[in-house]
Every structure is written in C-alpha cells, then in structure tokens.
Protein backbone atom coordinates (compact mmCIF):
# COMPACT_ATOMS: atom_id res chain seq x y z
CA MET A 1 69.45 308.37 106.83
CA ALA A 2 72.88 310.22 107.26
CA ARG A 3 75.61 309.35 104.87
CA TYR A 4 77.90 308.21 107.80
CA GLY A 5 77.31 305.73 110.37
CA VAL A 6 79.37 304.58 113.61
CA GLU A 7 78.42 301.41 115.62
CA HIS A 8 79.90 299.01 118.34
CA SER A 9 80.85 295.81 117.36
CA ARG A 10 83.23 292.95 118.19
CA LEU A 11 86.08 291.08 117.03
CA GLY A 12 86.18 288.07 118.93
CA ASP A 13 86.45 289.04 122.60
CA GLN A 14 87.52 292.51 121.46
CA ALA A 15 85.55 295.36 121.62
CA ILE A 16 85.74 297.65 118.78
CA VAL A 17 84.25 300.50 116.82
CA VAL A 18 83.38 300.80 113.39
CA LEU A 19 83.12 304.04 111.34
CA HIS A 20 81.47 303.27 107.95
CA ASP A 21 80.45 305.42 104.63
CA ARG A 22 77.00 304.45 103.43
CA HIS A 23 77.71 306.21 99.95
CA ASP A 24 80.60 304.05 99.04
CA ARG A 25 81.09 301.41 101.31
CA ARG A 26 84.15 302.76 103.21
CA ARG A 27 84.59 301.13 106.59
CA LEU A 28 87.36 302.28 109.26
CA ARG A 29 87.48 299.40 112.32
CA ILE A 30 89.34 300.47 115.65
CA ALA A 31 90.19 298.44 118.77
CA LEU A 32 89.72 299.99 121.95
CA ARG A 33 92.44 297.97 123.17
CA GLY A 34 95.33 300.39 122.38
CA ALA A 35 93.12 302.53 120.13
CA ALA A 36 94.64 300.59 117.01
CA VAL A 37 93.19 300.61 113.73
CA LEU A 38 92.16 296.94 112.49
CA GLY A 39 90.73 298.06 109.09
CA PHE A 40 90.24 300.68 106.42
CA GLU A 41 88.34 299.33 103.32
CA VAL A 42 87.89 301.33 100.67
CA PRO A 43 86.25 300.84 97.00
CA PHE A 44 88.46 299.24 94.29
CA ALA A 45 88.12 297.68 91.19
CA GLY A 46 84.62 296.59 91.91
CA GLY A 47 84.99 295.51 95.28
CA LEU A 48 86.83 296.71 98.86
CA HIS A 49 90.34 296.73 99.31
CA ASP A 50 91.63 296.90 103.06
CA LEU A 51 94.56 299.45 103.27
CA ALA A 52 95.35 298.94 106.56
CA ASP A 53 97.66 296.00 107.54
CA GLY A 54 96.19 295.86 110.89
CA TYR A 55 95.60 293.16 113.67
CA ARG A 56 93.72 289.93 112.13
CA ASP A 57 92.11 288.36 115.16
CA ALA A 58 91.67 288.99 118.98
CA ASN A 59 94.74 287.32 120.05
CA GLU A 60 96.95 289.51 117.87
CA VAL A 61 95.12 292.56 119.31
CA ARG A 62 95.96 291.19 122.80
CA ASP A 63 99.39 290.17 121.82
CA ARG A 64 100.29 293.16 119.45
CA PRO A 65 102.70 291.60 117.00
CA GLY A 66 104.65 294.33 115.27
CA SER A 67 102.62 297.41 117.32
CA ARG A 68 100.56 297.45 114.07
CA PHE A 69 98.86 300.99 114.04
CA ALA A 70 99.82 301.54 117.60
CA ILE A 71 99.31 304.67 119.35
CA MET A 72 102.70 305.65 120.89
CA VAL A 73 102.60 307.90 124.07
CA PRO A 74 104.39 309.41 125.89
CA PHE A 75 107.43 308.56 123.38
CA ALA A 76 107.56 306.62 120.02
CA GLY A 77 110.22 304.57 119.01
CA ARG A 78 113.13 303.59 121.21
CA ILE A 79 114.71 305.05 124.37
CA ALA A 80 118.39 303.91 124.56
CA ASP A 81 119.15 301.41 127.04
CA ALA A 82 115.82 302.56 128.67
CA ARG A 83 117.52 305.59 130.40
CA TYR A 84 117.25 309.35 130.03
CA ARG A 85 117.46 312.28 132.23
CA PHE A 86 114.62 314.72 132.72
CA GLU A 87 114.60 318.14 134.79
CA GLY A 88 118.22 316.81 135.98
CA VAL A 89 117.39 313.60 137.16
CA ALA A 90 118.28 310.31 135.77
CA GLN A 91 115.50 307.48 135.18
CA ASP A 92 115.58 304.12 134.15
CA LEU A 93 112.40 302.49 132.60
CA ASP A 94 113.87 299.13 133.25
CA PRO A 95 115.16 298.79 136.83
CA ALA A 96 116.72 295.59 137.63
CA VAL A 97 116.79 294.33 134.06
CA VAL A 98 120.08 293.60 132.70
CA GLY A 99 122.04 293.17 129.34
CA SER A 100 120.14 292.84 125.98
CA ALA A 101 116.85 292.24 127.86
CA ARG A 102 116.77 296.03 128.45
CA ALA A 103 114.46 297.68 126.06
CA SER A 104 111.60 300.34 126.09
CA ARG A 105 109.61 301.11 123.07
CA HIS A 106 106.59 302.78 121.75
CA GLY A 107 105.15 304.25 125.10
CA PHE A 108 103.03 302.81 127.75
CA VAL A 109 99.19 302.71 125.93
CA ARG A 110 99.33 299.80 123.42
CA ASP A 111 97.66 297.54 126.14
CA ALA A 112 95.24 300.51 127.38
CA GLU A 113 91.63 299.95 127.32
CA PHE A 114 90.28 303.35 125.65
CA ALA A 115 86.66 304.11 126.76
CA VAL A 116 84.26 305.29 124.17
CA ALA A 117 83.70 309.29 124.97
CA GLU A 118 81.32 309.84 122.02
CA LEU A 119 80.39 308.58 118.74
CA VAL A 120 78.88 310.99 116.03
CA ALA A 121 77.79 310.44 112.55
CA SER A 122 76.14 312.93 109.67
CA ASP A 123 76.30 313.43 106.19
CA ALA A 124 79.61 315.17 106.57
CA CYS A 125 81.78 312.30 108.81
CA ALA A 126 81.56 309.88 110.98
CA ARG A 127 83.79 310.19 114.23
CA ALA A 128 84.75 308.11 117.58
CA VAL A 129 86.05 310.08 120.28
CA LEU A 130 88.05 307.53 122.63
CA GLY A 131 89.64 308.72 126.16
CA THR A 132 90.99 308.93 128.42
CA ALA A 133 93.78 306.45 128.46
CA ALA A 134 95.55 307.42 132.06
CA ILE A 135 99.50 307.28 132.36
CA ARG A 136 100.27 307.09 135.96
CA PRO A 137 103.45 307.33 137.66
CA ARG A 138 105.56 304.15 137.27
CA PRO A 139 109.12 303.21 137.38
CA GLY A 140 111.31 305.85 135.32
CA TYR A 141 108.21 307.80 134.35
CA PRO A 142 107.09 309.73 137.74
CA HIS A 143 104.23 311.97 135.53
CA ALA A 144 100.65 311.94 134.96
CA ILE A 145 99.34 312.12 131.23
CA ASP A 146 95.85 311.97 130.28
CA LEU A 147 95.65 310.67 126.62
CA GLY A 148 92.45 310.84 124.18
CA VAL A 149 92.32 310.62 120.96
CA SER A 150 89.83 310.50 118.10
CA PHE A 151 89.21 309.00 114.57
CA THR A 152 87.07 310.79 111.87
CA LEU A 153 86.18 309.23 108.54
CA GLU A 154 85.47 311.90 106.05
CA ASP A 155 85.09 312.62 102.38
CA THR A 156 89.02 312.63 101.99
CA GLY A 157 89.99 309.74 104.31
CA ILE A 158 90.91 309.65 108.22
CA VAL A 159 91.58 312.04 110.76
CA LEU A 160 93.75 311.32 113.80
CA GLU A 161 93.96 313.63 116.36
CA ALA A 162 95.62 313.20 119.80
CA ARG A 163 95.06 315.17 123.14
CA MET A 164 97.96 314.96 125.44
CA ARG A 165 97.14 316.63 129.06
CA ASN A 166 99.86 316.78 131.95
CA VAL A 167 97.48 316.08 135.20
CA GLY A 168 100.50 316.06 137.03
CA ASP A 169 102.34 318.70 139.27
CA ARG A 170 105.70 319.01 137.70
CA PRO A 171 106.61 319.11 134.06
CA ALA A 172 106.73 315.89 131.89
CA PRO A 173 108.20 314.68 128.96
CA CYS A 174 105.66 313.62 126.59
CA PHE A 175 105.09 313.20 122.73
CA PHE A 176 102.90 311.36 120.23
CA GLY A 177 103.51 308.77 117.50
CA TRP A 178 101.41 306.43 115.21
CA HIS A 179 102.59 303.25 113.90
CA PRO A 180 100.23 302.43 110.66
CA TYR A 181 100.90 299.98 108.26
CA PHE A 182 99.75 300.17 104.49
CA ARG A 183 99.25 297.66 101.96
CA LEU A 184 98.18 298.40 98.35
CA PRO A 185 96.61 296.25 95.92
CA GLY A 186 98.10 292.94 94.35
CA GLY A 187 99.30 291.33 97.50
CA GLY A 188 102.57 291.18 96.89
CA LEU A 189 106.01 292.76 98.17
CA VAL A 190 106.52 296.54 98.79
CA ASP A 191 109.43 296.61 95.91
CA ASP A 192 107.23 297.91 92.99
CA TRP A 193 105.29 300.48 95.17
CA ALA A 194 106.53 304.29 94.51
CA LEU A 195 107.36 306.33 97.52
CA ARG A 196 107.89 309.77 98.30
CA ILE A 197 109.10 311.25 101.56
CA PRO A 198 109.24 315.18 101.50
CA ALA A 199 112.53 315.47 103.69
CA GLN A 200 115.49 317.10 103.52
CA THR A 201 117.41 315.08 106.29
CA LEU A 202 117.97 311.76 107.35
CA ILE A 203 118.61 310.72 110.92
CA ARG A 204 121.34 308.36 110.86
CA THR A 205 121.48 305.54 113.53
CA GLY A 206 123.74 303.20 114.90
CA ALA A 207 122.96 299.14 114.51
CA ASP A 208 120.69 299.72 117.85
CA LEU A 209 118.43 301.98 115.65
CA ILE A 210 119.60 304.71 118.30
CA ALA A 211 120.60 308.04 116.62
CA LEU A 212 124.16 308.84 116.60
CA PRO A 213 125.17 311.37 119.04
CA GLY A 214 124.94 315.22 118.50
CA ASP A 215 125.34 316.29 114.65
CA ALA A 216 126.27 313.33 113.40
CA ALA A 217 122.53 312.02 113.61
CA TYR A 218 121.52 314.36 110.65
CA VAL A 219 122.73 313.74 107.23
CA SER A 220 121.77 315.74 104.31
CA LEU A 221 119.62 313.69 101.98
CA ASP A 222 122.22 314.66 99.01
CA ASP A 223 124.78 312.57 100.77
CA ALA A 224 122.37 309.82 101.32
CA PRO A 225 120.84 308.90 97.69
CA ALA A 226 120.50 305.28 98.54
CA LEU A 227 117.40 306.60 100.92
CA ASP A 228 116.36 309.54 99.38
CA PHE A 229 112.77 309.70 98.31
CA ARG A 230 112.27 313.18 97.86
CA GLU A 231 111.05 312.36 94.40
CA PRO A 232 108.56 309.43 94.32
CA ARG A 233 110.57 306.45 93.12
CA ARG A 234 110.37 302.51 93.71
CA VAL A 235 110.96 301.22 96.69
CA GLY A 236 113.05 298.51 94.97
CA ASP A 237 115.46 296.41 97.49
CA SER A 238 115.85 299.34 99.84
CA ILE A 239 115.54 297.96 103.51
CA LEU A 240 114.10 301.05 105.51
CA ASP A 241 113.88 301.67 109.06
CA GLN A 242 114.71 305.14 108.95
CA GLY A 243 113.79 308.44 110.27
CA TYR A 244 113.22 311.66 108.32
CA THR A 245 113.37 315.22 108.99
CA GLY A 246 113.52 318.64 107.59
CA LEU A 247 109.81 317.88 106.28
CA ASP A 248 108.63 320.08 103.78
CA VAL A 249 105.15 321.59 104.48
CA ASP A 250 102.67 322.24 102.20
CA ALA A 251 100.68 325.70 101.48
CA ASP A 252 97.72 324.11 103.48
CA GLY A 253 99.95 323.34 106.64
CA ARG A 254 100.15 319.71 106.05
CA ILE A 255 103.49 317.61 105.29
CA ARG A 256 102.63 314.47 102.97
CA THR A 257 104.35 311.25 102.33
CA ARG A 258 102.87 309.29 99.39
CA LEU A 259 102.93 306.18 98.52
CA THR A 260 101.32 304.46 95.44
CA ASP A 261 100.79 301.23 93.51
CA PRO A 262 101.81 302.48 89.74
CA ARG A 263 100.16 299.37 88.31
CA SER A 264 96.69 300.49 89.57
CA GLY A 265 97.17 303.74 90.31
CA MET A 266 95.92 303.39 93.81
CA GLY A 267 97.92 305.12 96.43
CA ILE A 268 97.61 306.80 99.93
CA THR A 269 99.25 309.97 101.70
CA VAL A 270 99.99 309.90 105.28
CA TRP A 271 99.75 313.86 106.35
CA GLN A 272 100.97 315.17 109.59
CA GLU A 273 101.22 319.29 110.68
CA ARG A 274 104.78 318.91 112.08
CA GLY A 275 107.49 316.72 113.39
CA VAL A 276 109.27 313.68 111.52
CA MET A 277 108.27 310.86 109.39
CA HIS A 278 109.68 307.07 110.21
CA ALA A 279 109.36 304.72 107.23
CA PHE A 280 109.82 300.90 107.83
CA THR A 281 109.57 298.11 104.96
CA ALA A 282 108.42 295.54 107.71
CA ASP A 283 111.29 293.35 106.99
CA THR A 284 111.53 291.98 110.36
CA LEU A 285 108.19 290.99 110.91
CA ALA A 286 106.89 287.36 111.72
CA ARG A 287 103.98 287.74 109.60
CA ASP A 288 103.98 289.11 106.21
CA ALA A 289 107.47 290.53 106.08
CA ARG A 290 107.85 293.12 103.52
CA ARG A 291 104.12 293.13 102.48
CA ALA A 292 103.40 296.44 104.05
CA ILE A 293 104.96 299.57 104.90
CA ALA A 294 104.65 301.54 108.21
CA LEU A 295 104.47 305.24 107.58
CA GLU A 296 105.16 306.54 110.84
CA PRO A 297 104.19 310.35 111.81
CA MET A 298 105.95 311.25 114.94
CA GLU A 299 105.59 314.65 116.90
CA CYS A 300 109.72 314.02 117.69
CA MET A 301 112.19 311.67 116.51
CA ALA A 302 112.78 308.38 118.42
CA ASP A 303 114.96 308.62 121.54
CA ALA A 304 114.00 312.11 122.05
CA PHE A 305 113.75 312.08 125.58
CA ASN A 306 117.68 311.70 125.27
CA ARG A 307 118.04 314.51 122.61
CA PRO A 308 118.71 317.93 123.79
CA GLU A 309 117.60 319.78 120.57
CA CYS A 310 114.23 317.98 121.56
CA ALA A 311 114.00 319.22 124.96
CA GLU A 312 111.29 322.22 124.36
CA ALA A 313 109.24 320.09 121.97
CA ILE A 314 108.80 317.15 124.55
CA ARG A 315 108.21 319.34 127.70
CA LEU A 316 104.67 319.60 128.67
CA GLU A 317 103.93 322.00 131.64
CA PRO A 318 101.40 320.81 134.72
CA GLY A 319 98.27 321.51 133.40
CA ALA A 320 99.17 322.12 129.66
CA GLU A 321 97.39 320.16 126.89
CA ARG A 322 99.15 319.50 123.61
CA ARG A 323 97.24 317.99 120.59
CA PHE A 324 98.63 316.62 117.26
CA ARG A 325 96.91 315.77 114.09
CA CYS A 326 97.53 313.39 111.14
CA GLY A 327 95.87 311.31 108.66
CA VAL A 328 95.48 309.62 105.42
CA GLU A 329 93.94 310.53 102.15
CA VAL A 330 93.27 308.00 99.73
CA ALA A 331 94.00 308.34 95.82
CA GLY A 332 92.66 306.26 93.07
CA ALA A 333 89.90 304.27 95.12
C-alpha cells in the first residue's frame, strides 16, 4: 500500500476530498465549494493538531464567514468603491448599489463548485487536481477566465498551484490570492506567537483599507517599526491587516513568512514565489477573533486593478495562462 492516500468524503451535505499520509497520520481536508481548505492535521505531542482554522461545518462552508482559506480570483482583497478602469474603459462591479453597501472583495470563486479532475496517491505525495471554475462575463468584469487549482500533500507540507487561463477574446485583469488562517497549539490568542515577514516595505492604507495613492502607499519598514517583522518577534498587541512588499527571496526561489509558537516549538512557514504577503490578526472575526492569523500570499496587492504600477502584472492576454504557486511547510510537528 502506498504511503499516501486520497479519497472523496463529505462534511454534512458538502462534498470534500481528503489527502492523508499513512506514515504519520497527517490529513488535509478540502471542500469542493470554493476549493477551501477545512483542516490540516499534523502530529503533535502524541496526538494531532489542526493547523488550519477553516470552516467548521457545512453551514460555514456555504456562508463563508471570514473567507477562511478562500481562493481569490480574479482579484484578491478589496477594489476601491468596486470601480476600476482597464484598457481605457471604466467598470463598475456593483452597478445600482450606492453608499456603504458598495463593496467588492476577494474575487468571484468563493462560492464556485470545483470538480475533481484527478486524484493521485503514491509513496511520494497525494494530490487533488480541482478544475475548472469558470469565471464568465458579469457586470463590471466582461472577461472569461478558467481557473484550476491543485493541492499536494508531500513530506514537507502542502503545495498549492493555481492555473488561470484567459479564454476570452480580449486582455483581462486577473491575479491570484489565498486567504489561509493558521492556529498553533495552546488554544490561546495570537499575542505570544512569533512572526517573521521578510519584507522591506509596508503598504500603507487609509481607514477603508485601500492603499494610499501613488508612492504614498509604500513605506520603508525602517520608518514603521511597530509593523516591522523582518526579525522574528512576538505579535504582542499588534493589530495587523497589512500588506507587505519588497519580499526577500531565498536561494531556492521561495519567499518564506514564518509563524512559530515559542512555547511548543511548533511553527509553519507560508511560502510563495513572487507577489506580496498580507497579514491579518483576525481581530474583526465574529468567531474566534484573534485566535488565528491569516497569512495571505497574493500575486499582487489589494486594489491592484486601480494601481498603474500593477498593470503589467495583472494583465492576462487572450489564450494565455499564468500560474501561481505557494504552500505551507511545517516545523516542530
């Protein structure tokens, strides 16, 4: 029997897939609705600890509170006033909506039902290939994108790969983001966990969490010590809902953001190959506020559709495909 296995299962009325490692009992559970990770159990202190603060039941999968482990395409984060301009044409994602009710965030696939394209298990890994979520023309987004994602459970942790293909006849704005929440052993608040974000620059936002215009959006972390996590330190009383850019790349081409529990020695590393990192201490969640941290690898910053400096990065030509890879490494399990 192979070391790894993969199978279909259910959470209430929601279809899920489960990837597992028979050697050390690690288990990754993924809902087909939204391709949202529900749990990532790893061995710890003679038992198992779930590193993922995902949806707990079928109702949460449907209602998606906190966008836990959301796949965010064709944009991540917020779009200012739900408006942007692309190829010289003004677009409105919330037509006929006025005032504070105007909001557009985290893309269009959180409610998409992903199909299982392939399940693979061997002595090396377990993999679930999910696709295709079809994004089709809608108000404010007259484009067609096919999205496929795959999750791989391997010896070092999880690998997530997204494939975005423009199947329309015109260039489209499109980029990827992932919204995972992590919790370390102990069941307490995030304050005592140590965080390291290998960034040189903070993305400064207004009260609406939209980046300030132009160069004002970018602040050297030398000038923002309260939000500087270039060296590992306690989260403490920091309230984070911040984007970080100017990320340092390791020799193997990966950018690594680390979260560690100094008491237990357990930690995780969220890696990505390019883009920005958004950190959120979950202070505003209705459930379990400040008991998990969202570490969000994103291909571009929030509101990238309105940022001239992001125009080339978000542009996807007709027939072109772009991929984004990120994942989670586990230490101390």
